[in-house]
Amino acid sequence: MIVVSDTSPVSNLLQIEKLDLLRDIFGEVIIPPAVLLEIRALEHFGIDLSSFSTSDWIRVEQPKASEAVAGLRHNLDAGESEAIVLAVEMQADWILLDERQATKIAEEKGLHPIGLIGILIKAKEKGLIPAVVPLVEELRHKAGFWITDHLLARIRELVSE
């Protein structure tokens, strides 16, 4: 399975010490150089990157089509742009994204995006976590993950919590 990730899923799971969920669900995860830089920048905010730095299942790959990346940069940040182009080039099975505009563009390019909430639901389905909602709450408080109360209520209903 080929999985390419943007910064948000990696950085958010890193902040709640659940980064290994990505490995347990997807195996290897590929990130572009811009995502690597964005994750490394978290160190300036006092975030411990040791579980990221020591992971042998996260690989960095450079997208080849720099013109395509530049074209996406008009609407997206560097990490999202590189991740989408890389996912297209690698014919990824999944692209891990949270931002609405990036998700829309990824879908238009025939990619299969999944966000952090979808990842947590998969983790629960696989028996890797007992519940989704407590982790969403932890993401809100520790990582500043933005989610409306209405969406949280829908998630509770969806996962029967």
Protein backbone atom coordinates (compact mmCIF):
# COMPACT_ATOMS: atom_id res chain seq x y z
CA MET A 1 0.00 0.00 0.00
CA ILE A 2 1.31 3.46 -0.91
CA VAL A 3 0.40 6.24 1.53
CA VAL A 4 1.52 9.87 1.25
CA SER A 5 0.93 12.31 4.09
CA ASP A 6 0.66 16.02 4.56
CA THR A 7 1.88 17.58 7.80
CA SER A 8 -1.34 17.74 9.81
CA PRO A 9 -2.01 14.02 10.44
CA VAL A 10 1.63 13.39 11.38
CA SER A 11 2.06 16.48 13.55
CA ASN A 12 -1.25 16.08 15.37
CA LEU A 13 -0.70 12.41 16.18
CA LEU A 14 2.85 13.21 17.24
CA GLN A 15 1.56 15.75 19.74
CA ILE A 16 -0.74 13.24 21.44
CA GLU A 17 1.89 10.48 21.31
CA LYS A 18 -0.10 8.33 18.87
CA LEU A 19 2.13 8.59 15.78
CA ASP A 20 2.51 4.81 15.64
CA LEU A 21 -1.17 4.53 14.67
CA LEU A 22 -0.12 5.55 11.16
CA ARG A 23 2.38 2.68 11.00
CA ASP A 24 -0.10 0.23 12.48
CA ILE A 25 -2.80 1.18 9.95
CA PHE A 26 -0.81 1.92 6.79
CA GLY A 27 2.67 0.43 7.24
CA GLU A 28 5.07 2.81 5.52
CA VAL A 29 4.13 6.49 5.17
CA ILE A 30 5.81 8.72 2.60
CA ILE A 31 6.19 12.46 3.10
CA PRO A 32 7.63 15.11 0.79
CA PRO A 33 10.50 17.41 1.87
CA ALA A 34 8.17 20.36 2.62
CA VAL A 35 6.28 18.21 5.13
CA LEU A 36 9.57 17.17 6.73
CA LEU A 37 10.49 20.84 7.18
CA GLU A 38 7.08 21.70 8.61
CA ILE A 39 7.31 18.85 11.12
CA ARG A 40 10.86 19.75 12.12
CA ALA A 41 9.67 23.32 12.74
CA LEU A 42 7.48 21.99 15.58
CA GLU A 43 10.64 21.60 17.65
CA HIS A 44 10.71 25.41 18.00
CA PHE A 45 7.41 25.11 19.88
CA GLY A 46 8.83 22.59 22.34
CA ILE A 47 7.23 19.56 20.74
CA ASP A 48 9.17 16.32 21.22
CA LEU A 49 9.98 14.89 17.79
CA SER A 50 11.84 11.80 19.00
CA SER A 51 9.17 9.30 17.92
CA PHE A 52 9.15 10.92 14.47
CA SER A 53 12.94 11.15 14.20
CA THR A 54 13.48 7.51 15.14
CA SER A 55 10.70 6.07 12.97
CA ASP A 56 12.01 3.82 10.22
CA TRP A 57 8.61 3.60 8.55
CA ILE A 58 8.37 7.26 7.48
CA ARG A 59 10.23 7.91 4.24
CA VAL A 60 10.91 11.21 2.49
CA GLU A 61 10.45 11.40 -1.29
CA GLN A 62 10.82 14.42 -3.55
CA PRO A 63 8.03 15.03 -6.07
CA LYS A 64 9.41 15.21 -9.61
CA ALA A 65 6.94 17.64 -11.18
CA SER A 66 8.08 20.94 -9.69
CA GLU A 67 5.83 22.86 -12.12
CA ALA A 68 2.78 20.99 -10.78
CA VAL A 69 3.83 21.81 -7.21
CA ALA A 70 4.25 25.49 -8.15
CA GLY A 71 0.79 25.48 -9.73
CA LEU A 72 -0.83 24.17 -6.55
CA ARG A 73 1.03 26.70 -4.40
CA HIS A 74 -1.42 29.38 -5.58
CA ASN A 75 -4.10 27.76 -3.38
CA LEU A 76 -2.27 25.47 -0.95
CA ASP A 77 0.75 25.51 1.33
CA ALA A 78 4.03 23.85 0.41
CA GLY A 79 3.39 20.60 2.28
CA GLU A 80 -0.07 20.10 0.82
CA SER A 81 1.14 20.94 -2.69
CA GLU A 82 4.10 18.56 -2.58
CA ALA A 83 2.05 15.80 -0.94
CA ILE A 84 -0.67 15.94 -3.62
CA VAL A 85 1.82 15.94 -6.50
CA LEU A 86 3.82 13.12 -4.91
CA ALA A 87 0.67 11.07 -4.32
CA VAL A 88 -0.36 11.50 -7.96
CA GLU A 89 3.13 10.54 -9.18
CA MET A 90 3.27 7.47 -6.95
CA GLN A 91 -0.35 6.50 -7.63
CA ALA A 92 -0.90 6.41 -3.87
CA ASP A 93 -3.67 4.34 -2.36
CA TRP A 94 -4.26 7.06 0.28
CA ILE A 95 -3.27 10.65 0.88
CA LEU A 96 -3.49 11.84 4.47
CA LEU A 97 -4.90 15.39 4.52
CA ASP A 98 -7.07 17.46 6.81
CA GLU A 99 -7.53 20.80 5.08
CA ARG A 100 -10.75 21.16 3.10
CA GLN A 101 -9.28 22.88 0.00
CA ALA A 102 -6.43 20.36 -0.25
CA THR A 103 -8.88 17.47 0.11
CA LYS A 104 -11.05 18.86 -2.67
CA ILE A 105 -8.07 19.24 -5.02
CA ALA A 106 -6.81 15.75 -4.14
CA GLU A 107 -10.22 14.27 -4.99
CA GLU A 108 -10.28 16.20 -8.29
CA LYS A 109 -6.95 14.55 -9.13
CA GLY A 110 -8.39 11.09 -8.46
CA LEU A 111 -6.71 10.60 -5.08
CA HIS A 112 -8.28 9.02 -2.00
CA PRO A 113 -7.87 11.45 0.90
CA ILE A 114 -8.43 10.53 4.52
CA GLY A 115 -8.19 12.95 7.41
CA LEU A 116 -7.27 12.59 11.03
CA ILE A 117 -10.80 11.68 12.14
CA GLY A 118 -10.98 8.99 9.46
CA ILE A 119 -7.62 7.65 10.62
CA LEU A 120 -8.86 7.45 14.21
CA ILE A 121 -12.03 5.66 13.07
CA LYS A 122 -9.88 3.13 11.17
CA ALA A 123 -7.73 2.69 14.29
CA LYS A 124 -10.81 1.89 16.36
CA GLU A 125 -12.13 -0.52 13.70
CA LYS A 126 -8.78 -2.34 13.77
CA GLY A 127 -8.85 -2.52 17.58
CA LEU A 128 -5.81 -0.26 17.93
CA ILE A 129 -7.65 2.22 20.16
CA PRO A 130 -10.68 1.66 22.39
CA ALA A 131 -12.42 4.93 21.51
CA VAL A 132 -12.20 7.84 19.06
CA VAL A 133 -13.78 10.73 21.00
CA PRO A 134 -11.25 10.88 23.87
CA LEU A 135 -8.44 11.20 21.31
CA VAL A 136 -10.33 13.90 19.42
CA GLU A 137 -10.71 15.78 22.71
CA GLU A 138 -6.99 15.33 23.40
CA LEU A 139 -6.20 16.63 19.91
CA ARG A 140 -8.34 19.70 20.58
CA HIS A 141 -6.62 20.48 23.86
CA LYS A 142 -3.01 19.42 23.26
CA ALA A 143 -2.57 20.01 19.54
CA GLY A 144 -5.10 22.77 18.93
CA PHE A 145 -6.93 20.57 16.40
CA TRP A 146 -9.95 22.55 15.27
CA ILE A 147 -13.28 20.76 15.18
CA THR A 148 -16.75 22.12 15.80
CA ASP A 149 -18.93 20.80 18.60
CA HIS A 150 -21.50 19.85 15.97
CA LEU A 151 -18.97 17.70 14.08
CA LEU A 152 -17.80 16.14 17.34
CA ALA A 153 -21.41 15.21 18.11
CA ARG A 154 -21.71 13.61 14.66
CA ILE A 155 -18.50 11.65 15.27
CA ARG A 156 -19.84 10.43 18.64
CA GLU A 157 -22.95 9.21 16.89
CA LEU A 158 -21.02 7.58 14.04
CA VAL A 159 -18.69 5.64 16.34
CA SER A 160 -21.35 4.99 19.02
CA GLU A 161 -19.49 6.71 21.85
